[in-house]
Amino acid sequence: MHKESRYPSSQSSKKIYELHIQNLALSEFSKLQSQEKVFLRATFDKDSVIDIGSAQPWPLNQGDSLEIDYKLDINDAWVKNDQLEFKLELMGEGWFTMALVRCAQVAKEVSSYNRAYTCTIPGEKAPLLTYRLAEKGVPPPNKNQLPVASN
């Protein structure tokens, strides 16, 4: 005889999060010079490293915009006390591999709300990288549905 539990499984109520890396754009006026080969490196929990695009690095020239559209599932172990600490680095490949730009984040109250980020090169206004941390499967809000402040 099958007996149903009165308590839902903790697994079924657990939220799954994803990091959606959306775009990489280098302003035509950027102090960062054009690069022949770049890729992204994501680091979670200080030592979990994931390279994105390293197998086939992208060329990135001043004025270029690349749609990355890469979604990465967030490991439960990386979320501690309802916060996620991570960094994204734009890596340049040449004689050696080096971090060209580093974007470090501590996302607090991960379970409470979804959020979008931009990363800029210090001293510049145009975003180099756009990304979103959200519950998996939850689409970004439609700009037409956002509340409008009135006077």
C-alpha atoms as a PDB file:
ATOM      1  CA  MET A   1       0.000   0.000   0.000  1.00  0.00           C
ATOM      2  CA  HIS A   2       1.323   3.450  -0.965  1.00  0.00           C
ATOM      3  CA  LYS A   3       1.306   5.937   1.857  1.00  0.00           C
ATOM      4  CA  GLU A   4       1.419   9.664   1.116  1.00  0.00           C
ATOM      5  CA  SER A   5       3.480  11.951   3.236  1.00  0.00           C
ATOM      6  CA  ARG A   6       1.840  14.987   4.776  1.00  0.00           C
ATOM      7  CA  TYR A   7       5.036  16.968   4.409  1.00  0.00           C
ATOM      8  CA  PRO A   8       6.330  18.027   1.022  1.00  0.00           C
ATOM      9  CA  SER A   9       9.782  16.908   0.112  1.00  0.00           C
ATOM     10  CA  SER A  10      12.423  19.567   0.676  1.00  0.00           C
ATOM     11  CA  GLN A  11      13.728  18.779  -2.805  1.00  0.00           C
ATOM     12  CA  SER A  12      10.455  19.703  -4.494  1.00  0.00           C
ATOM     13  CA  SER A  13      10.284  23.117  -2.814  1.00  0.00           C
ATOM     14  CA  LYS A  14      13.942  23.968  -3.358  1.00  0.00           C
ATOM     15  CA  LYS A  15      14.531  26.719  -5.885  1.00  0.00           C
ATOM     16  CA  ILE A  16      17.052  26.253  -8.654  1.00  0.00           C
ATOM     17  CA  TYR A  17      18.974  29.338  -9.794  1.00  0.00           C
ATOM     18  CA  GLU A  18      20.818  30.151 -12.964  1.00  0.00           C
ATOM     19  CA  LEU A  19      23.272  32.763 -14.091  1.00  0.00           C
ATOM     20  CA  HIS A  20      22.420  33.987 -17.579  1.00  0.00           C
ATOM     21  CA  ILE A  21      25.352  35.686 -19.267  1.00  0.00           C
ATOM     22  CA  GLN A  22      23.713  37.804 -21.910  1.00  0.00           C
ATOM     23  CA  ASN A  23      26.016  40.181 -23.792  1.00  0.00           C
ATOM     24  CA  LEU A  24      29.624  41.237 -24.090  1.00  0.00           C
ATOM     25  CA  ALA A  25      30.231  44.643 -25.686  1.00  0.00           C
ATOM     26  CA  LEU A  26      33.348  46.748 -26.059  1.00  0.00           C
ATOM     27  CA  SER A  27      32.724  50.445 -26.618  1.00  0.00           C
ATOM     28  CA  GLU A  28      34.460  52.032 -29.574  1.00  0.00           C
ATOM     29  CA  PHE A  29      35.863  54.545 -27.064  1.00  0.00           C
ATOM     30  CA  SER A  30      37.044  51.954 -24.517  1.00  0.00           C
ATOM     31  CA  LYS A  31      40.510  52.161 -23.044  1.00  0.00           C
ATOM     32  CA  LEU A  32      40.644  48.353 -23.421  1.00  0.00           C
ATOM     33  CA  GLN A  33      42.166  47.633 -26.796  1.00  0.00           C
ATOM     34  CA  SER A  34      40.745  45.159 -29.313  1.00  0.00           C
ATOM     35  CA  GLN A  35      41.547  41.537 -28.470  1.00  0.00           C
ATOM     36  CA  GLU A  36      42.022  38.644 -30.880  1.00  0.00           C
ATOM     37  CA  LYS A  37      40.949  35.935 -28.430  1.00  0.00           C
ATOM     38  CA  VAL A  38      38.792  36.359 -25.322  1.00  0.00           C
ATOM     39  CA  PHE A  39      36.629  34.092 -23.203  1.00  0.00           C
ATOM     40  CA  LEU A  40      34.795  34.371 -19.897  1.00  0.00           C
ATOM     41  CA  ARG A  41      35.749  32.718 -16.632  1.00  0.00           C
ATOM     42  CA  ALA A  42      33.177  32.304 -13.854  1.00  0.00           C
ATOM     43  CA  THR A  43      34.391  31.501 -10.340  1.00  0.00           C
ATOM     44  CA  PHE A  44      32.021  30.427  -7.563  1.00  0.00           C
ATOM     45  CA  ASP A  45      32.765  29.646  -3.941  1.00  0.00           C
ATOM     46  CA  LYS A  46      36.361  30.834  -4.507  1.00  0.00           C
ATOM     47  CA  ASP A  47      37.513  27.657  -6.283  1.00  0.00           C
ATOM     48  CA  SER A  48      34.820  26.343  -8.637  1.00  0.00           C
ATOM     49  CA  VAL A  49      35.967  27.657 -12.017  1.00  0.00           C
ATOM     50  CA  ILE A  50      33.997  27.406 -15.250  1.00  0.00           C
ATOM     51  CA  ASP A  51      35.442  28.698 -18.530  1.00  0.00           C
ATOM     52  CA  ILE A  52      32.928  29.870 -21.120  1.00  0.00           C
ATOM     53  CA  GLY A  53      34.112  30.104 -24.701  1.00  0.00           C
ATOM     54  CA  SER A  54      37.683  28.988 -23.980  1.00  0.00           C
ATOM     55  CA  ALA A  55      37.560  26.150 -26.539  1.00  0.00           C
ATOM     56  CA  GLN A  56      36.778  28.682 -29.286  1.00  0.00           C
ATOM     57  CA  PRO A  57      37.700  32.151 -28.022  1.00  0.00           C
ATOM     58  CA  TRP A  58      35.949  35.159 -29.539  1.00  0.00           C
ATOM     59  CA  PRO A  59      37.569  38.130 -31.216  1.00  0.00           C
ATOM     60  CA  LEU A  60      36.496  41.354 -29.507  1.00  0.00           C
ATOM     61  CA  ASN A  61      37.138  44.648 -31.249  1.00  0.00           C
ATOM     62  CA  GLN A  62      36.277  48.140 -30.115  1.00  0.00           C
ATOM     63  CA  GLY A  63      32.663  48.778 -31.165  1.00  0.00           C
ATOM     64  CA  ASP A  64      31.779  45.048 -31.151  1.00  0.00           C
ATOM     65  CA  SER A  65      28.823  43.545 -29.314  1.00  0.00           C
ATOM     66  CA  LEU A  66      28.552  39.772 -28.883  1.00  0.00           C
ATOM     67  CA  GLU A  67      25.423  37.939 -27.790  1.00  0.00           C
ATOM     68  CA  ILE A  68      26.708  35.260 -25.413  1.00  0.00           C
ATOM     69  CA  ASP A  69      23.319  33.876 -24.210  1.00  0.00           C
ATOM     70  CA  TYR A  70      24.891  31.288 -21.900  1.00  0.00           C
ATOM     71  CA  LYS A  71      22.917  29.874 -18.964  1.00  0.00           C
ATOM     72  CA  LEU A  72      24.720  28.263 -16.080  1.00  0.00           C
ATOM     73  CA  ASP A  73      22.941  26.324 -13.312  1.00  0.00           C
ATOM     74  CA  ILE A  74      23.993  27.429  -9.842  1.00  0.00           C
ATOM     75  CA  ASN A  75      25.161  24.601  -7.599  1.00  0.00           C
ATOM     76  CA  ASP A  76      23.291  24.562  -4.236  1.00  0.00           C
ATOM     77  CA  ALA A  77      26.631  24.351  -2.403  1.00  0.00           C
ATOM     78  CA  TRP A  78      27.638  27.774  -3.790  1.00  0.00           C
ATOM     79  CA  VAL A  79      24.674  29.510  -2.102  1.00  0.00           C
ATOM     80  CA  LYS A  80      25.500  30.129   1.551  1.00  0.00           C
ATOM     81  CA  ASN A  81      23.227  31.947   4.003  1.00  0.00           C
ATOM     82  CA  ASP A  82      21.016  33.000   1.092  1.00  0.00           C
ATOM     83  CA  GLN A  83      23.852  34.700  -0.745  1.00  0.00           C
ATOM     84  CA  LEU A  84      25.992  33.851  -3.729  1.00  0.00           C
ATOM     85  CA  GLU A  85      29.515  35.140  -4.114  1.00  0.00           C
ATOM     86  CA  PHE A  86      30.976  34.942  -7.600  1.00  0.00           C
ATOM     87  CA  LYS A  87      33.190  36.691 -10.084  1.00  0.00           C
ATOM     88  CA  LEU A  88      33.207  36.890 -13.855  1.00  0.00           C
ATOM     89  CA  GLU A  89      36.437  37.659 -15.668  1.00  0.00           C
ATOM     90  CA  LEU A  90      37.077  38.587 -19.257  1.00  0.00           C
ATOM     91  CA  MET A  91      40.164  36.579 -20.093  1.00  0.00           C
ATOM     92  CA  GLY A  92      42.572  37.460 -22.889  1.00  0.00           C
ATOM     93  CA  GLU A  93      44.573  34.771 -24.642  1.00  0.00           C
ATOM     94  CA  GLY A  94      47.943  35.371 -26.230  1.00  0.00           C
ATOM     95  CA  TRP A  95      51.404  34.320 -25.121  1.00  0.00           C
ATOM     96  CA  PHE A  96      49.711  33.691 -21.785  1.00  0.00           C
ATOM     97  CA  THR A  97      46.177  33.899 -20.449  1.00  0.00           C
ATOM     98  CA  MET A  98      45.317  36.856 -18.236  1.00  0.00           C
ATOM     99  CA  ALA A  99      42.289  38.570 -16.712  1.00  0.00           C
ATOM    100  CA  LEU A 100      41.548  41.777 -18.622  1.00  0.00           C
ATOM    101  CA  VAL A 101      38.479  42.780 -16.575  1.00  0.00           C
ATOM    102  CA  ARG A 102      37.125  41.344 -13.326  1.00  0.00           C
ATOM    103  CA  CYS A 103      33.519  41.707 -12.095  1.00  0.00           C
ATOM    104  CA  ALA A 104      32.987  40.491  -8.516  1.00  0.00           C
ATOM    105  CA  GLN A 105      29.520  40.148  -6.969  1.00  0.00           C
ATOM    106  CA  VAL A 106      27.950  39.183  -3.682  1.00  0.00           C
ATOM    107  CA  ALA A 107      24.257  38.610  -4.391  1.00  0.00           C
ATOM    108  CA  LYS A 108      22.363  38.777  -1.096  1.00  0.00           C
ATOM    109  CA  GLU A 109      18.855  37.425  -0.511  1.00  0.00           C
ATOM    110  CA  VAL A 110      19.124  35.170  -3.559  1.00  0.00           C
ATOM    111  CA  SER A 111      15.825  33.473  -2.712  1.00  0.00           C
ATOM    112  CA  SER A 112      13.908  36.763  -2.459  1.00  0.00           C
ATOM    113  CA  TYR A 113      14.302  38.311  -5.882  1.00  0.00           C
ATOM    114  CA  ASN A 114      15.846  38.019  -9.323  1.00  0.00           C
ATOM    115  CA  ARG A 115      18.317  40.629 -10.449  1.00  0.00           C
ATOM    116  CA  ALA A 116      20.191  41.909 -13.488  1.00  0.00           C
ATOM    117  CA  TYR A 117      23.782  43.148 -13.469  1.00  0.00           C
ATOM    118  CA  THR A 118      26.080  45.150 -15.668  1.00  0.00           C
ATOM    119  CA  CYS A 119      29.839  45.234 -15.414  1.00  0.00           C
ATOM    120  CA  THR A 120      31.748  48.248 -16.649  1.00  0.00           C
ATOM    121  CA  ILE A 121      35.411  48.958 -17.081  1.00  0.00           C
ATOM    122  CA  PRO A 122      36.456  51.407 -14.343  1.00  0.00           C
ATOM    123  CA  GLY A 123      36.072  54.982 -15.598  1.00  0.00           C
ATOM    124  CA  GLU A 124      33.760  53.984 -18.455  1.00  0.00           C
ATOM    125  CA  LYS A 125      29.958  54.271 -18.665  1.00  0.00           C
ATOM    126  CA  ALA A 126      29.046  51.669 -21.297  1.00  0.00           C
ATOM    127  CA  PRO A 127      28.539  48.156 -19.879  1.00  0.00           C
ATOM    128  CA  LEU A 128      31.105  45.596 -20.943  1.00  0.00           C
ATOM    129  CA  LEU A 129      29.082  42.626 -19.721  1.00  0.00           C
ATOM    130  CA  THR A 130      25.382  42.123 -18.920  1.00  0.00           C
ATOM    131  CA  TYR A 131      24.136  39.141 -16.940  1.00  0.00           C
ATOM    132  CA  ARG A 132      21.209  38.035 -14.810  1.00  0.00           C
ATOM    133  CA  LEU A 133      20.881  35.906 -11.684  1.00  0.00           C
ATOM    134  CA  ALA A 134      17.400  34.443 -11.334  1.00  0.00           C
ATOM    135  CA  GLU A 135      15.312  31.482 -10.370  1.00  0.00           C
ATOM    136  CA  LYS A 136      15.591  29.034 -13.236  1.00  0.00           C
ATOM    137  CA  GLY A 137      12.759  29.360 -15.740  1.00  0.00           C
ATOM    138  CA  VAL A 138      11.589  32.780 -14.516  1.00  0.00           C
ATOM    139  CA  PRO A 139      11.705  35.194 -17.462  1.00  0.00           C
ATOM    140  CA  PRO A 140      12.851  38.791 -17.029  1.00  0.00           C
ATOM    141  CA  PRO A 141      10.040  41.265 -16.467  1.00  0.00           C
ATOM    142  CA  ASN A 142       8.458  42.720 -19.573  1.00  0.00           C
ATOM    143  CA  LYS A 143       9.390  46.398 -19.771  1.00  0.00           C
ATOM    144  CA  ASN A 144       5.791  47.225 -20.700  1.00  0.00           C
ATOM    145  CA  GLN A 145       4.537  45.623 -17.469  1.00  0.00           C
ATOM    146  CA  LEU A 146       6.833  47.510 -15.085  1.00  0.00           C
ATOM    147  CA  PRO A 147       5.073  49.940 -12.774  1.00  0.00           C
ATOM    148  CA  VAL A 148       5.451  53.593 -13.752  1.00  0.00           C
ATOM    149  CA  ALA A 149       5.994  56.165 -11.038  1.00  0.00           C
ATOM    150  CA  SER A 150       3.602  59.078 -11.174  1.00  0.00           C
ATOM    151  CA  ASN A 151       3.937  62.574  -9.742  1.00  0.00           C
END
